[in-house]
Amino acid sequence: MKALLRLLGLGLIAGLALQLFFVARIAMMAVVNPESTAFQRSEAYLITRNTGSLKWRQQWVPYSELPAYLKRAVIASEDASFAEHDGVDMEALEKAWDKNAKAEQRAAQSASRLAPAKAAAAPAKPVKIVGGSTITQQLAKNLFLSGERTLLRKGQELVLTLLLEALLSKERILEIYLNSVEWGEGIFGAEAAAQHYYRKPAAKLSAYEAARLAVMLPRPKYFETRPGSGYLASRASTIVARMGGVELP
């Protein structure tokens, strides 16, 4: 029993030490730009392992020099309530939950209409899961966490999200996000994305170009290989129409 209590005590101490480490790291980010994120390091390893070399594009641009078009487009596409919420958008989470539940229900109904033999032979099409993560949650995950989906990791993501919101301004959160988010294989940040896709600095992006980049964010590697995607063009036009109503931090 004493050994078990000692183990629990050590686990609690280790957990507290980890949270204090995160607090220190995030507090430093108020004045020091992060050199890399956990996600970037993971991607660098995979690219090097698969290709034998590392092609990496990233160039930091201060918040004041990031184009308003891109800020508005990313907020309109990824997190419309970014300037208002405290890191978690409960309304977006509820909508995502409802969409996922309905998608699973439709998939179950489709499977039930198939004959038993056909249902066994045909592999079930995976249900597309809609997320409700805010920009701050995405940044918390990219900065510190692995890609695994567990309750423990989700709980840690929530803690990190609240810490980011408490210790950094909204402008700083958006600045770090736009400079570190993935926009293709080995392409990180707005400046690298603008140079890669449009051969120009991010500061010179048009509203439509900024909107196309914003729409790519959930699946950047997919859209990198499909520049002529009809969905990309249509969704970008929708984002352009919404950008005027976006409140910037």
Protein backbone atom coordinates (compact mmCIF):
# COMPACT_ATOMS: atom_id res chain seq x y z
CA MET A 1 0.00 0.00 0.00
CA LYS A 2 2.84 2.38 0.88
CA ALA A 3 4.51 1.62 -2.45
CA LEU A 4 1.27 2.41 -4.29
CA LEU A 5 0.85 5.70 -2.44
CA ARG A 6 4.46 6.58 -3.14
CA LEU A 7 3.91 5.87 -6.82
CA LEU A 8 0.78 8.02 -6.89
CA GLY A 9 2.65 10.80 -5.13
CA LEU A 10 5.49 10.65 -7.65
CA GLY A 11 2.97 10.68 -10.49
CA LEU A 12 1.29 13.80 -9.08
CA ILE A 13 4.65 15.53 -8.63
CA ALA A 14 5.66 14.64 -12.19
CA GLY A 15 2.33 15.91 -13.52
CA LEU A 16 2.66 19.18 -11.59
CA ALA A 17 6.25 19.61 -12.81
CA LEU A 18 5.08 19.13 -16.39
CA GLN A 19 2.38 21.79 -16.01
CA LEU A 20 4.91 24.22 -14.49
CA PHE A 21 7.19 23.52 -17.46
CA PHE A 22 4.34 24.37 -19.83
CA VAL A 23 3.60 27.57 -17.89
CA ALA A 24 7.24 28.65 -18.19
CA ARG A 25 7.39 27.82 -21.91
CA ILE A 26 4.19 29.71 -22.69
CA ALA A 27 5.22 32.71 -20.57
CA MET A 28 8.48 32.90 -22.55
CA MET A 29 6.51 32.94 -25.79
CA ALA A 30 5.16 36.37 -24.84
CA VAL A 31 8.55 37.76 -25.90
CA VAL A 32 10.44 34.88 -27.59
CA ASN A 33 9.30 33.28 -30.85
CA PRO A 34 9.16 29.47 -30.63
CA GLU A 35 11.88 27.89 -32.78
CA SER A 36 9.69 24.91 -33.64
CA THR A 37 6.57 23.06 -32.51
CA ALA A 38 6.04 19.44 -31.52
CA PHE A 39 4.07 18.94 -34.74
CA GLN A 40 6.84 20.45 -36.87
CA ARG A 41 9.48 18.24 -35.26
CA SER A 42 7.31 15.18 -35.88
CA GLU A 43 6.82 16.19 -39.53
CA ALA A 44 10.54 16.84 -39.96
CA TYR A 45 11.28 13.33 -38.75
CA LEU A 46 8.72 11.78 -41.12
CA ILE A 47 9.90 13.78 -44.15
CA THR A 48 13.54 12.89 -43.47
CA ARG A 49 12.70 9.23 -42.94
CA ASN A 50 10.62 8.99 -46.11
CA THR A 51 12.74 11.09 -48.49
CA GLY A 52 16.22 11.06 -46.96
CA SER A 53 16.37 14.86 -46.97
CA LEU A 54 14.53 17.69 -45.29
CA LYS A 55 12.88 20.42 -47.35
CA TRP A 56 11.77 23.09 -44.91
CA ARG A 57 10.22 26.50 -45.56
CA GLN A 58 9.48 28.90 -42.73
CA GLN A 59 10.11 32.59 -42.15
CA TRP A 60 8.78 34.51 -39.17
CA VAL A 61 6.73 37.64 -39.87
CA PRO A 62 5.71 39.95 -36.98
CA TYR A 63 2.01 40.42 -36.29
CA SER A 64 2.04 44.02 -37.53
CA GLU A 65 3.41 42.88 -40.91
CA LEU A 66 0.99 40.00 -41.42
CA PRO A 67 -1.71 41.06 -43.90
CA ALA A 68 -5.15 41.87 -42.50
CA TYR A 69 -6.64 39.88 -45.38
CA LEU A 70 -4.98 36.69 -44.14
CA LYS A 71 -5.85 37.30 -40.48
CA ARG A 72 -9.49 37.87 -41.39
CA ALA A 73 -9.59 34.91 -43.77
CA VAL A 74 -8.14 32.44 -41.26
CA ILE A 75 -10.45 33.61 -38.48
CA ALA A 76 -13.49 33.47 -40.82
CA SER A 77 -12.56 29.96 -41.94
CA GLU A 78 -11.23 28.40 -38.74
CA ASP A 79 -12.65 30.22 -35.72
CA ALA A 80 -15.21 33.00 -36.28
CA SER A 81 -15.45 33.80 -32.55
CA PHE A 82 -11.70 33.94 -31.97
CA ALA A 83 -11.69 37.53 -30.66
CA GLU A 84 -14.51 36.81 -28.21
CA HIS A 85 -14.05 33.38 -26.62
CA ASP A 86 -11.62 32.34 -23.86
CA GLY A 87 -10.01 29.57 -25.87
CA VAL A 88 -12.91 27.14 -26.19
CA ASP A 89 -16.00 27.83 -28.32
CA MET A 90 -18.74 25.76 -26.72
CA GLU A 91 -21.25 26.59 -29.45
CA ALA A 92 -18.86 25.33 -32.15
CA LEU A 93 -18.19 22.17 -30.14
CA GLU A 94 -21.93 21.49 -29.79
CA LYS A 95 -22.45 21.98 -33.54
CA ALA A 96 -19.55 19.65 -34.31
CA TRP A 97 -20.94 17.05 -31.91
CA ASP A 98 -24.37 17.23 -33.59
CA LYS A 99 -22.87 16.94 -37.10
CA ASN A 100 -20.77 13.94 -36.10
CA ALA A 101 -23.73 12.22 -34.45
CA LYS A 102 -25.90 12.75 -37.53
CA ALA A 103 -23.13 11.51 -39.84
CA GLU A 104 -22.75 8.34 -37.77
CA GLN A 105 -26.51 7.83 -37.81
CA ARG A 106 -26.64 8.19 -41.62
CA ALA A 107 -23.73 5.73 -41.99
CA ALA A 108 -25.51 3.22 -39.75
CA GLN A 109 -28.75 3.58 -41.75
CA SER A 110 -26.88 3.08 -45.04
CA ALA A 111 -25.18 -0.04 -43.69
CA SER A 112 -28.49 -1.46 -42.45
CA ARG A 113 -30.02 -1.15 -45.94
CA LEU A 114 -27.32 -3.35 -47.45
CA ALA A 115 -27.87 -7.07 -47.69
CA PRO A 116 -25.86 -8.95 -45.02
CA ALA A 117 -23.54 -10.50 -47.65
CA LYS A 118 -22.84 -7.14 -49.31
CA ALA A 119 -22.36 -5.43 -45.96
CA ALA A 120 -19.77 -8.03 -44.98
CA ALA A 121 -17.95 -7.79 -48.33
CA ALA A 122 -17.91 -3.99 -48.63
CA PRO A 123 -15.62 -2.18 -46.20
CA ALA A 124 -17.42 0.46 -44.18
CA LYS A 125 -16.69 4.01 -45.36
CA PRO A 126 -15.20 5.95 -42.45
CA VAL A 127 -17.35 8.76 -41.10
CA LYS A 128 -15.82 12.19 -41.63
CA ILE A 129 -15.35 13.67 -38.16
CA VAL A 130 -15.99 17.42 -37.92
CA GLY A 131 -13.86 19.23 -35.35
CA GLY A 132 -14.83 22.17 -33.15
CA SER A 133 -11.33 23.26 -32.19
CA THR A 134 -10.55 26.96 -31.89
CA ILE A 135 -7.35 28.56 -33.19
CA THR A 136 -6.01 28.53 -29.62
CA GLN A 137 -6.75 24.81 -29.23
CA GLN A 138 -5.06 24.05 -32.54
CA LEU A 139 -2.02 26.05 -31.46
CA ALA A 140 -1.87 24.27 -28.09
CA LYS A 141 -1.93 20.89 -29.82
CA ASN A 142 0.66 21.86 -32.44
CA LEU A 143 3.05 23.46 -29.96
CA PHE A 144 3.24 20.73 -27.36
CA LEU A 145 1.27 17.56 -28.06
CA SER A 146 1.35 14.39 -30.13
CA GLY A 147 -1.32 13.45 -32.64
CA GLU A 148 -2.83 10.67 -30.51
CA ARG A 149 -6.51 10.93 -29.60
CA THR A 150 -7.03 10.05 -25.94
CA LEU A 151 -9.00 11.61 -23.11
CA LEU A 152 -5.76 12.37 -21.27
CA ARG A 153 -4.30 14.18 -24.29
CA LYS A 154 -7.56 16.09 -24.82
CA GLY A 155 -7.52 17.13 -21.16
CA GLN A 156 -3.94 18.36 -21.50
CA GLU A 157 -4.94 20.27 -24.64
CA LEU A 158 -7.65 22.06 -22.66
CA VAL A 159 -5.21 23.02 -19.89
CA LEU A 160 -2.70 24.33 -22.45
CA THR A 161 -5.45 26.26 -24.24
CA LEU A 162 -6.44 28.03 -21.02
CA LEU A 163 -2.78 28.78 -20.25
CA LEU A 164 -2.23 30.27 -23.70
CA GLU A 165 -5.27 32.50 -23.29
CA ALA A 166 -4.22 33.55 -19.78
CA LEU A 167 -0.56 34.29 -20.53
CA LEU A 168 -0.62 35.57 -24.11
CA SER A 169 -2.65 38.23 -25.91
CA LYS A 170 -4.99 37.30 -28.74
CA GLU A 171 -2.64 39.09 -31.14
CA ARG A 172 0.31 36.98 -29.97
CA ILE A 173 -1.68 33.74 -30.20
CA LEU A 174 -2.70 34.55 -33.79
CA GLU A 175 0.85 35.65 -34.64
CA ILE A 176 2.38 32.37 -33.44
CA TYR A 177 -0.37 30.35 -35.15
CA LEU A 178 0.05 32.06 -38.53
CA ASN A 179 3.82 31.68 -38.38
CA SER A 180 3.87 28.00 -37.43
CA VAL A 181 0.78 26.32 -38.92
CA GLU A 182 1.31 23.76 -41.69
CA TRP A 183 0.46 24.78 -45.28
CA GLY A 184 1.87 21.77 -47.14
CA GLU A 185 4.68 19.24 -46.80
CA GLY A 186 7.54 21.07 -45.10
CA ILE A 187 5.76 24.42 -45.53
CA PHE A 188 5.10 26.26 -42.28
CA GLY A 189 3.79 29.75 -41.71
CA ALA A 190 2.13 32.40 -43.85
CA GLU A 191 5.30 33.75 -45.48
CA ALA A 192 6.45 30.31 -46.67
CA ALA A 193 2.93 29.54 -47.93
CA ALA A 194 2.65 32.81 -49.87
CA GLN A 195 6.06 32.29 -51.47
CA HIS A 196 5.33 28.63 -52.31
CA TYR A 197 1.85 29.06 -53.80
CA TYR A 198 1.93 32.63 -55.16
CA ARG A 199 5.62 33.54 -55.46
CA LYS A 200 5.11 36.72 -53.45
CA PRO A 201 5.46 37.92 -49.83
CA ALA A 202 2.50 37.32 -47.51
CA ALA A 203 2.08 41.10 -47.18
CA LYS A 204 1.09 41.30 -50.88
CA LEU A 205 -1.58 38.59 -50.87
CA SER A 206 -4.96 39.56 -52.32
CA ALA A 207 -8.17 38.85 -50.42
CA TYR A 208 -8.93 35.83 -52.61
CA GLU A 209 -5.40 34.43 -52.33
CA ALA A 210 -5.54 34.78 -48.55
CA ALA A 211 -8.92 33.05 -48.49
CA ARG A 212 -7.60 30.11 -50.56
CA LEU A 213 -4.72 29.66 -48.11
CA ALA A 214 -7.15 29.79 -45.17
CA VAL A 215 -9.39 27.13 -46.73
CA MET A 216 -6.39 24.82 -47.14
CA LEU A 217 -5.64 24.70 -43.41
CA PRO A 218 -7.67 21.67 -42.33
CA ARG A 219 -6.07 19.53 -45.10
CA PRO A 220 -3.00 21.37 -46.41
CA LYS A 221 -1.19 18.37 -47.93
CA TYR A 222 -4.37 17.25 -49.71
CA PHE A 223 -5.00 20.66 -51.30
CA GLU A 224 -1.31 21.15 -52.09
CA THR A 225 -1.64 18.36 -54.66
CA ARG A 226 -5.05 19.60 -55.91
CA PRO A 227 -4.61 23.30 -56.75
CA GLY A 228 -7.54 23.15 -59.19
CA SER A 229 -10.00 21.87 -56.59
CA GLY A 230 -13.52 23.17 -57.21
CA TYR A 231 -14.26 23.02 -53.49
CA LEU A 232 -11.19 25.14 -52.74
CA ALA A 233 -12.28 27.85 -55.18
CA SER A 234 -15.91 27.83 -54.06
CA ARG A 235 -15.11 27.86 -50.34
CA ALA A 236 -12.53 30.62 -50.83
CA SER A 237 -15.21 32.82 -52.44
CA THR A 238 -17.46 32.21 -49.44
CA ILE A 239 -14.66 33.17 -47.04
CA VAL A 240 -13.97 36.39 -49.00
CA ALA A 241 -17.63 37.35 -48.54
CA ARG A 242 -17.39 36.75 -44.78
CA MET A 243 -14.09 38.53 -44.18
CA GLY A 244 -15.64 42.00 -43.90
CA GLY A 245 -17.55 40.99 -40.79
CA VAL A 246 -14.55 39.51 -38.96
CA GLU A 247 -13.37 41.26 -35.80
CA LEU A 248 -9.57 41.30 -35.51
CA PRO A 249 -7.92 41.15 -32.07
